[in-house]
Amino acid sequence: MVPFVVWLLWRERPSRENVMGVVCASLGGALMVWPRPSATASGADSSRLNSGDALTLAATLLFALHVALTSHYARRIATHRLSVCQIAVAAGVFVLLWLACRAAAPLLGLNEASGGLSAFVASEAGTPPWNARVAAQILYLALVATVGTFLVGTWGQARVGATHAVVIFRLEPVLRHCSPSRVARAQRMAHSAANRRRGFCWPA
């Protein structure tokens, strides 16, 4: 969706390669979210689009908008300034959402056993167990997974187009699953399955 967002905002026509990539990505996304004709545990028909599919499409549109805007402004604003702006806005929004969950949970009598959105609000309203391990995890997520990721991503998007940036982002799951540790683990699992079919098993 990124090339179309760029075209709608700045009238930059996508190239033929971009259109082909969008078509392939759209077909893949449609295969993932397209409902299969089956019945759920409650007896309801799951062959229709549900709220999860709608949220997925909405998140896709927002992600495309974010990538397009970042690539556009990363060429005009310093990387560290734009990164700080993005992190500050995201932090402010989620702090407000957290405060809203803490205020709504006791007023509405929500609990995690109720399931659905009520359980989500109730879980977000809770207080995490503070200890050294939790503090280390929060510190890692803040410095590496947030500050470092935004800095590197914004720096890269200042040098490539929005469409190329989203293609690189979408390669993340592929590269993660092709990491040496995962490949070695898959090979061990394949050998183990083959050995079990033959009637013996190598020691782990």
N, C-alpha and C. Protein backbone atom coordinates (compact mmCIF):
# COMPACT_ATOMS: atom_id res chain seq x y z
N MET A 1 0.81 -1.21 0.00
CA MET A 1 0.00 0.00 0.00
C MET A 1 0.84 1.27 0.00
N VAL A 2 2.13 1.13 0.31
CA VAL A 2 2.99 2.31 0.41
C VAL A 2 3.04 3.10 -0.90
N PRO A 3 3.23 2.48 -2.08
CA PRO A 3 3.26 3.28 -3.31
C PRO A 3 1.97 4.06 -3.54
N PHE A 4 0.83 3.47 -3.18
CA PHE A 4 -0.43 4.19 -3.36
C PHE A 4 -0.56 5.35 -2.39
N VAL A 5 -0.08 5.16 -1.15
CA VAL A 5 -0.10 6.26 -0.18
C VAL A 5 0.78 7.40 -0.66
N VAL A 6 1.97 7.07 -1.17
CA VAL A 6 2.88 8.09 -1.69
C VAL A 6 2.23 8.82 -2.87
N TRP A 7 1.54 8.07 -3.73
CA TRP A 7 0.88 8.71 -4.88
C TRP A 7 -0.26 9.62 -4.42
N LEU A 8 -1.02 9.21 -3.43
CA LEU A 8 -2.13 10.03 -2.94
C LEU A 8 -1.63 11.30 -2.26
N LEU A 9 -0.51 11.21 -1.55
CA LEU A 9 -0.01 12.37 -0.80
C LEU A 9 0.79 13.33 -1.67
N TRP A 10 1.66 12.79 -2.53
CA TRP A 10 2.58 13.65 -3.26
C TRP A 10 2.54 13.43 -4.77
N ARG A 11 1.60 12.65 -5.25
CA ARG A 11 1.42 12.44 -6.68
C ARG A 11 2.67 11.88 -7.35
N GLU A 12 3.40 11.03 -6.63
CA GLU A 12 4.56 10.36 -7.21
C GLU A 12 4.11 8.99 -7.73
N ARG A 13 4.14 8.82 -9.04
CA ARG A 13 3.65 7.59 -9.63
C ARG A 13 4.61 6.44 -9.35
N PRO A 14 4.09 5.28 -8.96
CA PRO A 14 4.96 4.12 -8.71
C PRO A 14 5.50 3.56 -10.01
N SER A 15 6.68 2.97 -9.95
CA SER A 15 7.27 2.35 -11.12
C SER A 15 6.61 1.01 -11.40
N ARG A 16 6.96 0.44 -12.55
CA ARG A 16 6.38 -0.85 -12.91
C ARG A 16 6.79 -1.92 -11.90
N GLU A 17 8.05 -1.88 -11.45
CA GLU A 17 8.51 -2.85 -10.46
C GLU A 17 7.74 -2.69 -9.15
N ASN A 18 7.46 -1.44 -8.75
CA ASN A 18 6.70 -1.22 -7.52
C ASN A 18 5.29 -1.79 -7.64
N VAL A 19 4.67 -1.60 -8.79
CA VAL A 19 3.32 -2.12 -8.98
C VAL A 19 3.31 -3.64 -8.92
N MET A 20 4.30 -4.27 -9.53
CA MET A 20 4.39 -5.73 -9.48
C MET A 20 4.59 -6.21 -8.04
N GLY A 21 5.43 -5.49 -7.30
CA GLY A 21 5.64 -5.87 -5.91
C GLY A 21 4.37 -5.71 -5.08
N VAL A 22 3.63 -4.64 -5.34
CA VAL A 22 2.37 -4.42 -4.62
C VAL A 22 1.37 -5.53 -4.93
N VAL A 23 1.30 -5.93 -6.19
CA VAL A 23 0.36 -6.99 -6.57
C VAL A 23 0.72 -8.30 -5.87
N CYS A 24 2.00 -8.65 -5.87
CA CYS A 24 2.43 -9.88 -5.20
C CYS A 24 2.16 -9.82 -3.71
N ALA A 25 2.49 -8.68 -3.09
CA ALA A 25 2.27 -8.54 -1.65
C ALA A 25 0.78 -8.57 -1.32
N SER A 26 -0.03 -7.96 -2.17
CA SER A 26 -1.47 -7.96 -1.93
C SER A 26 -2.06 -9.36 -2.02
N LEU A 27 -1.58 -10.13 -3.00
CA LEU A 27 -2.05 -11.51 -3.11
C LEU A 27 -1.65 -12.33 -1.89
N GLY A 28 -0.42 -12.14 -1.43
CA GLY A 28 0.01 -12.85 -0.24
C GLY A 28 -0.78 -12.46 0.99
N GLY A 29 -1.03 -11.14 1.15
CA GLY A 29 -1.84 -10.70 2.28
C GLY A 29 -3.26 -11.20 2.21
N ALA A 30 -3.82 -11.25 1.00
CA ALA A 30 -5.19 -11.75 0.85
C ALA A 30 -5.28 -13.22 1.22
N LEU A 31 -4.25 -13.99 0.87
CA LEU A 31 -4.25 -15.41 1.22
C LEU A 31 -4.16 -15.62 2.73
N MET A 32 -3.48 -14.70 3.42
CA MET A 32 -3.35 -14.85 4.87
C MET A 32 -4.62 -14.49 5.62
N VAL A 33 -5.32 -13.46 5.17
CA VAL A 33 -6.50 -13.00 5.90
C VAL A 33 -7.81 -13.50 5.32
N TRP A 34 -7.76 -14.14 4.15
CA TRP A 34 -9.01 -14.60 3.54
C TRP A 34 -9.63 -15.70 4.40
N PRO A 35 -10.88 -15.53 4.78
CA PRO A 35 -11.50 -16.51 5.69
C PRO A 35 -11.70 -17.87 5.03
N ARG A 36 -11.51 -18.90 5.84
CA ARG A 36 -11.73 -20.26 5.36
C ARG A 36 -13.10 -20.75 5.84
N PRO A 37 -13.83 -21.47 5.00
CA PRO A 37 -15.15 -21.95 5.41
C PRO A 37 -15.06 -23.03 6.46
N SER A 38 -15.23 -22.64 7.71
CA SER A 38 -15.21 -23.60 8.82
C SER A 38 -16.02 -23.01 9.95
N ALA A 39 -16.39 -23.85 10.87
CA ALA A 39 -17.18 -23.43 12.02
C ALA A 39 -16.29 -23.31 13.24
N THR A 40 -16.52 -22.29 14.06
CA THR A 40 -15.76 -22.10 15.27
C THR A 40 -16.31 -22.98 16.37
N ALA A 41 -15.67 -22.92 17.55
CA ALA A 41 -16.10 -23.74 18.66
C ALA A 41 -17.51 -23.38 19.12
N SER A 42 -17.90 -22.13 18.94
CA SER A 42 -19.23 -21.70 19.35
C SER A 42 -20.29 -22.00 18.29
N GLY A 43 -19.87 -22.57 17.15
CA GLY A 43 -20.82 -22.88 16.09
C GLY A 43 -20.99 -21.79 15.07
N ALA A 44 -20.29 -20.65 15.26
CA ALA A 44 -20.42 -19.53 14.32
C ALA A 44 -19.60 -19.80 13.06
N ASP A 45 -20.06 -19.26 11.97
CA ASP A 45 -19.39 -19.44 10.69
C ASP A 45 -18.22 -18.48 10.60
N SER A 46 -17.01 -19.02 10.36
CA SER A 46 -15.81 -18.18 10.27
C SER A 46 -15.45 -17.84 8.83
N SER A 47 -16.35 -18.05 7.90
CA SER A 47 -16.05 -17.78 6.50
C SER A 47 -16.23 -16.32 6.13
N ARG A 48 -16.57 -15.47 7.09
CA ARG A 48 -16.74 -14.04 6.84
C ARG A 48 -15.59 -13.27 7.47
N LEU A 49 -15.38 -12.07 6.95
CA LEU A 49 -14.37 -11.21 7.54
C LEU A 49 -14.79 -10.83 8.96
N ASN A 50 -13.84 -10.87 9.89
CA ASN A 50 -14.15 -10.55 11.27
C ASN A 50 -13.41 -9.30 11.70
N SER A 51 -13.54 -8.98 12.98
CA SER A 51 -12.92 -7.75 13.50
C SER A 51 -11.40 -7.82 13.42
N GLY A 52 -10.82 -9.02 13.57
CA GLY A 52 -9.37 -9.15 13.46
C GLY A 52 -8.87 -8.81 12.07
N ASP A 53 -9.61 -9.23 11.05
CA ASP A 53 -9.24 -8.89 9.68
C ASP A 53 -9.30 -7.38 9.45
N ALA A 54 -10.34 -6.75 10.01
CA ALA A 54 -10.48 -5.29 9.86
C ALA A 54 -9.33 -4.57 10.56
N LEU A 55 -8.93 -5.06 11.74
CA LEU A 55 -7.81 -4.45 12.45
C LEU A 55 -6.50 -4.65 11.68
N THR A 56 -6.35 -5.80 11.04
CA THR A 56 -5.15 -6.05 10.24
C THR A 56 -5.07 -5.08 9.06
N LEU A 57 -6.18 -4.86 8.38
CA LEU A 57 -6.20 -3.92 7.26
C LEU A 57 -5.94 -2.49 7.74
N ALA A 58 -6.52 -2.13 8.87
CA ALA A 58 -6.29 -0.78 9.41
C ALA A 58 -4.83 -0.59 9.81
N ALA A 59 -4.23 -1.61 10.43
CA ALA A 59 -2.83 -1.52 10.81
C ALA A 59 -1.93 -1.43 9.58
N THR A 60 -2.30 -2.15 8.51
CA THR A 60 -1.54 -2.07 7.27
C THR A 60 -1.56 -0.67 6.68
N LEU A 61 -2.72 -0.04 6.70
CA LEU A 61 -2.84 1.32 6.18
C LEU A 61 -2.03 2.30 7.03
N LEU A 62 -2.11 2.17 8.34
CA LEU A 62 -1.36 3.07 9.22
C LEU A 62 0.14 2.86 9.08
N PHE A 63 0.56 1.62 8.94
CA PHE A 63 1.99 1.34 8.75
C PHE A 63 2.48 1.94 7.43
N ALA A 64 1.69 1.80 6.38
CA ALA A 64 2.07 2.39 5.09
C ALA A 64 2.16 3.91 5.20
N LEU A 65 1.23 4.52 5.91
CA LEU A 65 1.26 5.97 6.10
C LEU A 65 2.49 6.39 6.89
N HIS A 66 2.83 5.62 7.91
CA HIS A 66 4.01 5.95 8.71
C HIS A 66 5.30 5.84 7.90
N VAL A 67 5.43 4.78 7.10
CA VAL A 67 6.62 4.62 6.28
C VAL A 67 6.73 5.74 5.25
N ALA A 68 5.62 6.08 4.62
CA ALA A 68 5.64 7.13 3.60
C ALA A 68 6.01 8.48 4.21
N LEU A 69 5.42 8.82 5.35
CA LEU A 69 5.72 10.11 5.98
C LEU A 69 7.15 10.16 6.49
N THR A 70 7.63 9.05 7.06
CA THR A 70 9.01 9.03 7.56
C THR A 70 10.00 9.20 6.42
N SER A 71 9.78 8.49 5.31
CA SER A 71 10.69 8.64 4.17
C SER A 71 10.65 10.05 3.60
N HIS A 72 9.50 10.68 3.65
CA HIS A 72 9.37 12.04 3.11
C HIS A 72 10.10 13.05 3.99
N TYR A 73 9.89 12.99 5.29
CA TYR A 73 10.46 14.00 6.18
C TYR A 73 11.88 13.67 6.63
N ALA A 74 12.31 12.41 6.47
CA ALA A 74 13.68 12.06 6.87
C ALA A 74 14.71 12.78 6.01
N ARG A 75 14.33 13.20 4.79
CA ARG A 75 15.25 13.93 3.93
C ARG A 75 15.29 15.42 4.27
N ARG A 76 14.38 15.88 5.11
CA ARG A 76 14.29 17.31 5.43
C ARG A 76 14.61 17.62 6.88
N ILE A 77 14.54 16.62 7.75
CA ILE A 77 14.77 16.82 9.18
C ILE A 77 15.91 15.90 9.61
N ALA A 78 16.73 16.36 10.53
CA ALA A 78 17.84 15.55 11.03
C ALA A 78 17.32 14.24 11.62
N THR A 79 18.10 13.18 11.44
CA THR A 79 17.67 11.86 11.86
C THR A 79 17.34 11.80 13.34
N HIS A 80 18.22 12.36 14.19
CA HIS A 80 18.00 12.27 15.64
C HIS A 80 16.77 13.07 16.07
N ARG A 81 16.53 14.19 15.40
CA ARG A 81 15.36 15.00 15.77
C ARG A 81 14.06 14.28 15.39
N LEU A 82 14.03 13.74 14.18
CA LEU A 82 12.82 13.04 13.75
C LEU A 82 12.59 11.78 14.59
N SER A 83 13.65 11.09 14.96
CA SER A 83 13.51 9.90 15.81
C SER A 83 12.98 10.27 17.18
N VAL A 84 13.51 11.32 17.77
CA VAL A 84 13.03 11.76 19.08
C VAL A 84 11.56 12.15 19.01
N CYS A 85 11.18 12.82 17.92
CA CYS A 85 9.78 13.23 17.76
C CYS A 85 8.86 12.01 17.69
N GLN A 86 9.25 11.00 16.90
CA GLN A 86 8.42 9.81 16.77
C GLN A 86 8.31 9.05 18.09
N ILE A 87 9.43 8.89 18.79
CA ILE A 87 9.41 8.16 20.06
C ILE A 87 8.59 8.91 21.10
N ALA A 88 8.73 10.24 21.15
CA ALA A 88 7.99 11.03 22.13
C ALA A 88 6.49 10.96 21.89
N VAL A 89 6.08 11.06 20.62
CA VAL A 89 4.65 10.99 20.31
C VAL A 89 4.09 9.61 20.66
N ALA A 90 4.81 8.54 20.26
CA ALA A 90 4.35 7.19 20.57
C ALA A 90 4.29 6.97 22.08
N ALA A 91 5.30 7.43 22.81
CA ALA A 91 5.30 7.26 24.26
C ALA A 91 4.12 8.01 24.89
N GLY A 92 3.87 9.23 24.44
CA GLY A 92 2.75 10.00 24.99
C GLY A 92 1.40 9.34 24.73
N VAL A 93 1.23 8.82 23.52
CA VAL A 93 -0.04 8.16 23.19
C VAL A 93 -0.26 6.94 24.06
N PHE A 94 0.78 6.11 24.23
CA PHE A 94 0.60 4.89 25.00
C PHE A 94 0.49 5.15 26.50
N VAL A 95 1.12 6.21 26.99
CA VAL A 95 0.91 6.57 28.40
C VAL A 95 -0.54 6.99 28.62
N LEU A 96 -1.09 7.75 27.70
CA LEU A 96 -2.50 8.14 27.81
C LEU A 96 -3.42 6.92 27.75
N LEU A 97 -3.12 5.97 26.85
CA LEU A 97 -3.92 4.75 26.77
C LEU A 97 -3.81 3.93 28.05
N TRP A 98 -2.62 3.86 28.63
CA TRP A 98 -2.43 3.12 29.88
C TRP A 98 -3.21 3.75 31.02
N LEU A 99 -3.17 5.09 31.10
CA LEU A 99 -3.93 5.78 32.14
C LEU A 99 -5.43 5.58 31.93
N ALA A 100 -5.87 5.57 30.66
CA ALA A 100 -7.28 5.34 30.39
C ALA A 100 -7.70 3.93 30.79
N CYS A 101 -6.84 2.94 30.55
CA CYS A 101 -7.15 1.57 30.97
C CYS A 101 -7.21 1.45 32.49
N ARG A 102 -6.30 2.10 33.18
CA ARG A 102 -6.31 2.05 34.65
C ARG A 102 -7.55 2.72 35.22
N ALA A 103 -8.04 3.74 34.54
CA ALA A 103 -9.24 4.42 35.03
C ALA A 103 -10.51 3.66 34.68
N ALA A 104 -10.52 3.00 33.50
CA ALA A 104 -11.73 2.33 33.05
C ALA A 104 -11.95 0.98 33.70
N ALA A 105 -10.88 0.26 34.01
CA ALA A 105 -11.02 -1.10 34.54
C ALA A 105 -11.82 -1.17 35.83
N PRO A 106 -11.49 -0.38 36.86
CA PRO A 106 -12.28 -0.46 38.10
C PRO A 106 -13.68 0.13 37.95
N LEU A 107 -13.83 1.14 37.11
CA LEU A 107 -15.15 1.75 36.95
C LEU A 107 -16.13 0.80 36.27
N LEU A 108 -15.64 0.05 35.27
CA LEU A 108 -16.50 -0.86 34.51
C LEU A 108 -16.49 -2.28 35.06
N GLY A 109 -15.67 -2.51 36.09
CA GLY A 109 -15.61 -3.85 36.66
C GLY A 109 -15.02 -4.88 35.72
N LEU A 110 -13.99 -4.51 34.97
CA LEU A 110 -13.40 -5.42 34.00
C LEU A 110 -12.38 -6.32 34.68
N ASN A 111 -12.25 -7.54 34.18
CA ASN A 111 -11.24 -8.48 34.68
C ASN A 111 -10.74 -9.33 33.53
N GLU A 112 -9.60 -9.97 33.74
CA GLU A 112 -8.97 -10.74 32.67
C GLU A 112 -9.74 -11.99 32.31
N ALA A 113 -10.61 -12.46 33.21
CA ALA A 113 -11.38 -13.68 32.93
C ALA A 113 -12.53 -13.44 31.97
N SER A 114 -12.87 -12.17 31.73
CA SER A 114 -14.02 -11.88 30.87
C SER A 114 -13.72 -12.11 29.40
N GLY A 115 -12.44 -12.08 29.01
CA GLY A 115 -12.06 -12.33 27.63
C GLY A 115 -12.28 -11.13 26.73
N GLY A 116 -11.68 -11.18 25.54
CA GLY A 116 -11.87 -10.13 24.55
C GLY A 116 -11.21 -8.82 24.95
N LEU A 117 -11.83 -7.72 24.51
CA LEU A 117 -11.30 -6.40 24.78
C LEU A 117 -11.29 -6.08 26.27
N SER A 118 -12.27 -6.58 27.00
CA SER A 118 -12.32 -6.34 28.45
C SER A 118 -11.09 -6.93 29.15
N ALA A 119 -10.69 -8.13 28.74
CA ALA A 119 -9.51 -8.76 29.33
C ALA A 119 -8.25 -7.97 29.00
N PHE A 120 -8.18 -7.44 27.77
CA PHE A 120 -7.02 -6.64 27.39
C PHE A 120 -6.91 -5.38 28.24
N VAL A 121 -8.04 -4.69 28.42
CA VAL A 121 -8.03 -3.47 29.22
C VAL A 121 -7.66 -3.79 30.66
N ALA A 122 -8.20 -4.89 31.20
CA ALA A 122 -7.91 -5.26 32.58
C ALA A 122 -6.44 -5.62 32.76
N SER A 123 -5.85 -6.33 31.79
CA SER A 123 -4.44 -6.69 31.89
C SER A 123 -3.53 -5.48 31.79
N GLU A 124 -3.90 -4.52 30.93
CA GLU A 124 -3.10 -3.30 30.81
C GLU A 124 -3.21 -2.42 32.05
N ALA A 125 -4.29 -2.56 32.80
CA ALA A 125 -4.47 -1.76 34.01
C ALA A 125 -3.66 -2.28 35.17
N GLY A 126 -3.15 -3.51 35.08
CA GLY A 126 -2.40 -4.08 36.19
C GLY A 126 -1.01 -3.47 36.32
N THR A 127 -0.36 -3.77 37.44
CA THR A 127 0.98 -3.29 37.72
C THR A 127 1.97 -4.44 37.56
N PRO A 128 2.99 -4.31 36.72
CA PRO A 128 3.93 -5.42 36.51
C PRO A 128 4.78 -5.65 37.75
N PRO A 129 5.26 -6.88 37.95
CA PRO A 129 6.13 -7.17 39.10
C PRO A 129 7.52 -6.57 38.87
N TRP A 130 7.85 -5.56 39.63
CA TRP A 130 9.12 -4.87 39.44
C TRP A 130 10.25 -5.63 40.12
N ASN A 131 11.23 -6.02 39.32
CA ASN A 131 12.44 -6.64 39.83
C ASN A 131 13.57 -6.36 38.85
N ALA A 132 14.75 -6.90 39.14
CA ALA A 132 15.91 -6.61 38.30
C ALA A 132 15.73 -7.16 36.88
N ARG A 133 15.10 -8.32 36.75
CA ARG A 133 14.91 -8.90 35.42
C ARG A 133 13.97 -8.05 34.58
N VAL A 134 12.86 -7.62 35.18
CA VAL A 134 11.92 -6.78 34.45
C VAL A 134 12.57 -5.45 34.07
N ALA A 135 13.34 -4.87 34.98
CA ALA A 135 14.03 -3.61 34.69
C ALA A 135 15.01 -3.77 33.53
N ALA A 136 15.73 -4.89 33.49
CA ALA A 136 16.67 -5.14 32.40
C ALA A 136 15.94 -5.31 31.08
N GLN A 137 14.81 -6.00 31.10
CA GLN A 137 14.03 -6.17 29.88
C GLN A 137 13.50 -4.84 29.37
N ILE A 138 12.99 -4.00 30.27
CA ILE A 138 12.48 -2.69 29.87
C ILE A 138 13.61 -1.83 29.31
N LEU A 139 14.78 -1.89 29.95
CA LEU A 139 15.92 -1.11 29.48
C LEU A 139 16.35 -1.56 28.09
N TYR A 140 16.36 -2.86 27.85
CA TYR A 140 16.73 -3.38 26.52
C TYR A 140 15.71 -2.94 25.47
N LEU A 141 14.42 -3.08 25.80
CA LEU A 141 13.39 -2.69 24.85
C LEU A 141 13.44 -1.19 24.56
N ALA A 142 13.75 -0.39 25.58
CA ALA A 142 13.78 1.06 25.39
C ALA A 142 14.98 1.49 24.54
N LEU A 143 16.17 0.95 24.85
CA LEU A 143 17.38 1.42 24.18
C LEU A 143 17.61 0.75 22.83
N VAL A 144 17.47 -0.58 22.78
CA VAL A 144 17.79 -1.32 21.54
C VAL A 144 16.58 -1.39 20.61
N ALA A 145 15.45 -1.90 21.15
CA ALA A 145 14.30 -2.15 20.29
C ALA A 145 13.52 -0.90 19.94
N THR A 146 13.76 0.20 20.65
CA THR A 146 13.02 1.44 20.35
C THR A 146 13.96 2.53 19.82
N VAL A 147 14.86 3.01 20.68
CA VAL A 147 15.74 4.11 20.26
C VAL A 147 16.65 3.67 19.10
N GLY A 148 17.31 2.53 19.27
CA GLY A 148 18.20 2.06 18.20
C GLY A 148 17.48 1.78 16.90
N THR A 149 16.30 1.13 17.00
CA THR A 149 15.54 0.81 15.80
C THR A 149 15.06 2.06 15.08
N PHE A 150 14.55 3.03 15.83
CA PHE A 150 14.08 4.26 15.20
C PHE A 150 15.23 5.03 14.56
N LEU A 151 16.37 5.09 15.23
CA LEU A 151 17.51 5.81 14.66
C LEU A 151 17.99 5.16 13.36
N VAL A 152 18.17 3.85 13.38
CA VAL A 152 18.64 3.16 12.18
C VAL A 152 17.60 3.22 11.07
N GLY A 153 16.33 3.00 11.42
CA GLY A 153 15.28 3.03 10.41
C GLY A 153 15.12 4.40 9.77
N THR A 154 15.14 5.45 10.59
CA THR A 154 15.00 6.80 10.06
C THR A 154 16.21 7.18 9.21
N TRP A 155 17.41 6.80 9.66
CA TRP A 155 18.62 7.07 8.88
C TRP A 155 18.55 6.37 7.53
N GLY A 156 18.08 5.13 7.50
CA GLY A 156 17.99 4.41 6.24
C GLY A 156 16.93 4.97 5.32
N GLN A 157 15.79 5.39 5.89
CA GLN A 157 14.72 5.90 5.04
C GLN A 157 15.05 7.26 4.45
N ALA A 158 16.04 7.94 5.01
CA ALA A 158 16.48 9.20 4.41
C ALA A 158 17.29 8.97 3.15
N ARG A 159 17.69 7.73 2.90
CA ARG A 159 18.56 7.42 1.78
C ARG A 159 17.92 6.53 0.73
N VAL A 160 16.75 5.96 1.03
CA VAL A 160 16.04 5.14 0.05
C VAL A 160 14.60 5.61 -0.01
N GLY A 161 13.90 5.20 -1.04
CA GLY A 161 12.51 5.56 -1.17
C GLY A 161 11.62 4.78 -0.22
N ALA A 162 10.39 5.24 -0.10
CA ALA A 162 9.46 4.60 0.82
C ALA A 162 9.16 3.16 0.43
N THR A 163 9.01 2.91 -0.87
CA THR A 163 8.71 1.55 -1.33
C THR A 163 9.87 0.61 -1.07
N HIS A 164 11.09 1.04 -1.35
CA HIS A 164 12.26 0.22 -1.07
C HIS A 164 12.39 -0.02 0.43
N ALA A 165 12.07 0.97 1.23
CA ALA A 165 12.16 0.81 2.68
C ALA A 165 11.20 -0.24 3.20
N VAL A 166 9.97 -0.23 2.70
CA VAL A 166 8.99 -1.20 3.20
C VAL A 166 9.33 -2.60 2.71
N VAL A 167 9.96 -2.74 1.54
CA VAL A 167 10.40 -4.05 1.08
C VAL A 167 11.47 -4.59 2.02
N ILE A 168 12.40 -3.73 2.44
CA ILE A 168 13.44 -4.14 3.38
C ILE A 168 12.82 -4.52 4.73
N PHE A 169 11.86 -3.74 5.19
CA PHE A 169 11.19 -4.05 6.45
C PHE A 169 10.49 -5.41 6.37
N ARG A 170 9.85 -5.67 5.25
CA ARG A 170 9.10 -6.93 5.11
C ARG A 170 10.01 -8.14 5.02
N LEU A 171 11.30 -7.93 4.76
CA LEU A 171 12.23 -9.05 4.73
C LEU A 171 12.65 -9.50 6.12
N GLU A 172 12.25 -8.75 7.14
CA GLU A 172 12.67 -9.09 8.51
C GLU A 172 12.27 -10.50 8.92
N PRO A 173 10.99 -10.91 8.73
CA PRO A 173 10.65 -12.29 9.12
C PRO A 173 11.43 -13.33 8.33
N VAL A 174 11.68 -13.06 7.05
CA VAL A 174 12.42 -14.02 6.23
C VAL A 174 13.84 -14.17 6.75
N LEU A 175 14.50 -13.04 7.00
CA LEU A 175 15.88 -13.09 7.49
C LEU A 175 15.96 -13.72 8.86
N ARG A 176 14.94 -13.45 9.70
CA ARG A 176 14.95 -14.04 11.04
C ARG A 176 14.82 -15.55 10.98
N HIS A 177 13.94 -16.04 10.11
CA HIS A 177 13.76 -17.48 10.00
C HIS A 177 14.90 -18.15 9.25
N CYS A 178 15.69 -17.36 8.52
CA CYS A 178 16.84 -17.93 7.81
C CYS A 178 18.14 -17.76 8.58
N SER A 179 18.05 -17.37 9.85
CA SER A 179 19.25 -17.20 10.66
C SER A 179 19.92 -18.56 10.87
N PRO A 180 21.24 -18.59 11.08
CA PRO A 180 21.94 -19.87 11.23
C PRO A 180 21.37 -20.74 12.35
N SER A 181 21.00 -20.14 13.47
CA SER A 181 20.48 -20.93 14.59
C SER A 181 19.17 -21.61 14.22
N ARG A 182 18.29 -20.89 13.51
CA ARG A 182 17.02 -21.49 13.11
C ARG A 182 17.21 -22.55 12.04
N VAL A 183 18.14 -22.32 11.12
CA VAL A 183 18.41 -23.32 10.10
C VAL A 183 18.96 -24.59 10.74
N ALA A 184 19.90 -24.43 11.69
CA ALA A 184 20.46 -25.59 12.37
C ALA A 184 19.39 -26.34 13.16
N ARG A 185 18.51 -25.58 13.80
CA ARG A 185 17.43 -26.22 14.56
C ARG A 185 16.49 -26.98 13.63
N ALA A 186 16.16 -26.38 12.49
CA ALA A 186 15.29 -27.07 11.53
C ALA A 186 15.95 -28.34 11.00
N GLN A 187 17.25 -28.28 10.77
CA GLN A 187 17.96 -29.47 10.30
C GLN A 187 17.94 -30.56 11.36
N ARG A 188 18.16 -30.19 12.63
CA ARG A 188 18.11 -31.17 13.70
C ARG A 188 16.73 -31.81 13.80
N MET A 189 15.68 -30.98 13.68
CA MET A 189 14.33 -31.51 13.75
C MET A 189 14.06 -32.46 12.58
N ALA A 190 14.55 -32.09 11.38
CA ALA A 190 14.34 -32.95 10.21
C ALA A 190 15.08 -34.28 10.38
N HIS A 191 16.33 -34.24 10.89
CA HIS A 191 17.07 -35.47 11.12
C HIS A 191 16.41 -36.32 12.18
N SER A 192 15.91 -35.67 13.23
CA SER A 192 15.24 -36.41 14.30
C SER A 192 13.99 -37.10 13.79
N ALA A 193 13.20 -36.38 12.96
CA ALA A 193 11.99 -36.98 12.41
C ALA A 193 12.34 -38.15 11.49
N ALA A 194 13.39 -37.98 10.68
CA ALA A 194 13.80 -39.07 9.78
C ALA A 194 14.27 -40.29 10.57
N ASN A 195 15.01 -40.05 11.67
CA ASN A 195 15.50 -41.15 12.49
C ASN A 195 14.35 -41.88 13.18
N ARG A 196 13.34 -41.11 13.61
CA ARG A 196 12.19 -41.76 14.25
C ARG A 196 11.44 -42.64 13.27
N ARG A 197 11.37 -42.19 12.02
CA ARG A 197 10.70 -43.02 11.01
C ARG A 197 11.49 -44.31 10.76
N ARG A 198 12.82 -44.23 10.92
CA ARG A 198 13.63 -45.44 10.72
C ARG A 198 13.64 -46.33 11.96
N GLY A 199 13.15 -45.83 13.09
CA GLY A 199 13.08 -46.65 14.28
C GLY A 199 14.18 -46.42 15.28
N PHE A 200 15.03 -45.40 15.07
CA PHE A 200 16.05 -45.12 16.07
C PHE A 200 16.25 -43.63 16.16
N CYS A 201 16.94 -43.21 17.21
CA CYS A 201 17.10 -41.77 17.45
C CYS A 201 18.51 -41.51 17.94
N TRP A 202 19.16 -40.51 17.36
CA TRP A 202 20.48 -40.10 17.82
C TRP A 202 20.36 -39.36 19.13
N PRO A 203 21.36 -39.43 19.99
CA PRO A 203 21.31 -38.65 21.23
C PRO A 203 21.37 -37.16 20.94
N ALA A 204 20.66 -36.37 21.74
CA ALA A 204 20.59 -34.92 21.51
C ALA A 204 21.93 -34.28 21.80
